[in-house]
Amino acid sequence: NVYRTGTYLLDPYAALAYGALQDYRATVGEGRTTLILADRSPICSAATVSKAIGISVQDLKERLSKA
């Protein structure tokens, strides 16, 4: 969802953190600004990330090299 709406690509662990934040916000109704720190690049999990967004690993690597 982050990639589709904001064209920002998260690694799987940051995506889990973001999903948990969204679930928390939906349950509690809180919307304060939040910082999620990620220490991995999406390229570290290239196969998983490329499958999740529907592109090849090669396309993913090319897109990330341009960023």
C-alpha atoms as a PDB file:
ATOM      1  CA  ASN A   1       0.000   0.000   0.000  1.00  0.00           C
ATOM      2  CA  VAL A   2       2.829   2.423   0.811  1.00  0.00           C
ATOM      3  CA  TYR A   3       4.422   1.732  -2.570  1.00  0.00           C
ATOM      4  CA  ARG A   4       1.145   2.134  -4.474  1.00  0.00           C
ATOM      5  CA  THR A   5       0.059   5.325  -2.742  1.00  0.00           C
ATOM      6  CA  GLY A   6       3.367   7.031  -2.075  1.00  0.00           C
ATOM      7  CA  THR A   7       5.866   5.266  -4.344  1.00  0.00           C
ATOM      8  CA  TYR A   8       8.064   4.606  -1.304  1.00  0.00           C
ATOM      9  CA  LEU A   9       9.410   1.083  -0.988  1.00  0.00           C
ATOM     10  CA  LEU A  10       9.758  -0.538   2.438  1.00  0.00           C
ATOM     11  CA  ASP A  11      11.735  -3.651   3.285  1.00  0.00           C
ATOM     12  CA  PRO A  12       9.576  -6.530   4.680  1.00  0.00           C
ATOM     13  CA  TYR A  13      10.417  -5.758   8.318  1.00  0.00           C
ATOM     14  CA  ALA A  14       9.591  -2.064   8.003  1.00  0.00           C
ATOM     15  CA  ALA A  15       6.400  -3.062   6.184  1.00  0.00           C
ATOM     16  CA  LEU A  16       5.425  -5.239   9.153  1.00  0.00           C
ATOM     17  CA  ALA A  17       6.067  -2.331  11.509  1.00  0.00           C
ATOM     18  CA  TYR A  18       3.981  -0.039   9.312  1.00  0.00           C
ATOM     19  CA  GLY A  19       1.155  -2.593   9.157  1.00  0.00           C
ATOM     20  CA  ALA A  20       1.183  -2.939  12.936  1.00  0.00           C
ATOM     21  CA  LEU A  21       1.054   0.841  13.267  1.00  0.00           C
ATOM     22  CA  GLN A  22      -1.930   0.998  10.925  1.00  0.00           C
ATOM     23  CA  ASP A  23      -3.715  -1.736  12.899  1.00  0.00           C
ATOM     24  CA  TYR A  24      -2.998   0.104  16.154  1.00  0.00           C
ATOM     25  CA  ARG A  25      -4.291   3.368  14.742  1.00  0.00           C
ATOM     26  CA  ALA A  26      -7.465   1.691  13.476  1.00  0.00           C
ATOM     27  CA  THR A  27      -8.094   0.127  16.889  1.00  0.00           C
ATOM     28  CA  VAL A  28      -7.225   3.100  19.089  1.00  0.00           C
ATOM     29  CA  GLY A  29      -8.117   5.929  16.753  1.00  0.00           C
ATOM     30  CA  GLU A  30      -4.849   7.728  17.270  1.00  0.00           C
ATOM     31  CA  GLY A  31      -3.155   9.576  14.427  1.00  0.00           C
ATOM     32  CA  ARG A  32      -0.045  11.181  15.870  1.00  0.00           C
ATOM     33  CA  THR A  33       3.026  11.501  13.673  1.00  0.00           C
ATOM     34  CA  THR A  34       5.135   8.369  13.986  1.00  0.00           C
ATOM     35  CA  LEU A  35       8.680   7.537  12.976  1.00  0.00           C
ATOM     36  CA  ILE A  36       9.530   4.024  11.788  1.00  0.00           C
ATOM     37  CA  LEU A  37      13.238   3.324  11.573  1.00  0.00           C
ATOM     38  CA  ALA A  38      14.393   0.713   9.091  1.00  0.00           C
ATOM     39  CA  ASP A  39      17.940  -0.570   8.915  1.00  0.00           C
ATOM     40  CA  ARG A  40      17.626  -2.689   5.790  1.00  0.00           C
ATOM     41  CA  SER A  41      17.244  -1.832   2.159  1.00  0.00           C
ATOM     42  CA  PRO A  42      14.451  -3.475   0.167  1.00  0.00           C
ATOM     43  CA  ILE A  43      17.191  -4.985  -1.999  1.00  0.00           C
ATOM     44  CA  CYS A  44      18.229  -7.219   0.927  1.00  0.00           C
ATOM     45  CA  SER A  45      14.961  -9.108   0.429  1.00  0.00           C
ATOM     46  CA  ALA A  46      14.736  -8.582  -3.320  1.00  0.00           C
ATOM     47  CA  ALA A  47      12.773 -11.755  -4.115  1.00  0.00           C
ATOM     48  CA  THR A  48      10.131 -11.046  -1.472  1.00  0.00           C
ATOM     49  CA  VAL A  49       9.817  -7.357  -2.307  1.00  0.00           C
ATOM     50  CA  SER A  50       9.660  -7.874  -6.064  1.00  0.00           C
ATOM     51  CA  LYS A  51       6.948 -10.510  -5.651  1.00  0.00           C
ATOM     52  CA  ALA A  52       4.945  -8.227  -3.338  1.00  0.00           C
ATOM     53  CA  ILE A  53       4.904  -5.343  -5.814  1.00  0.00           C
ATOM     54  CA  GLY A  54       4.633  -7.483  -8.940  1.00  0.00           C
ATOM     55  CA  ILE A  55       7.903  -6.776 -10.743  1.00  0.00           C
ATOM     56  CA  SER A  56      10.987  -8.836 -11.509  1.00  0.00           C
ATOM     57  CA  VAL A  57      14.032  -8.806  -9.259  1.00  0.00           C
ATOM     58  CA  GLN A  58      16.016  -7.229 -12.097  1.00  0.00           C
ATOM     59  CA  ASP A  59      13.455  -4.406 -12.466  1.00  0.00           C
ATOM     60  CA  LEU A  60      13.556  -3.863  -8.707  1.00  0.00           C
ATOM     61  CA  LYS A  61      17.330  -3.575  -8.719  1.00  0.00           C
ATOM     62  CA  GLU A  62      17.202  -1.126 -11.631  1.00  0.00           C
ATOM     63  CA  ARG A  63      14.575   1.055  -9.926  1.00  0.00           C
ATOM     64  CA  LEU A  64      16.511   1.119  -6.665  1.00  0.00           C
ATOM     65  CA  SER A  65      19.759   1.982  -8.407  1.00  0.00           C
ATOM     66  CA  LYS A  66      18.067   5.098  -9.855  1.00  0.00           C
ATOM     67  CA  ALA A  67      16.760   6.236  -6.487  1.00  0.00           C
END
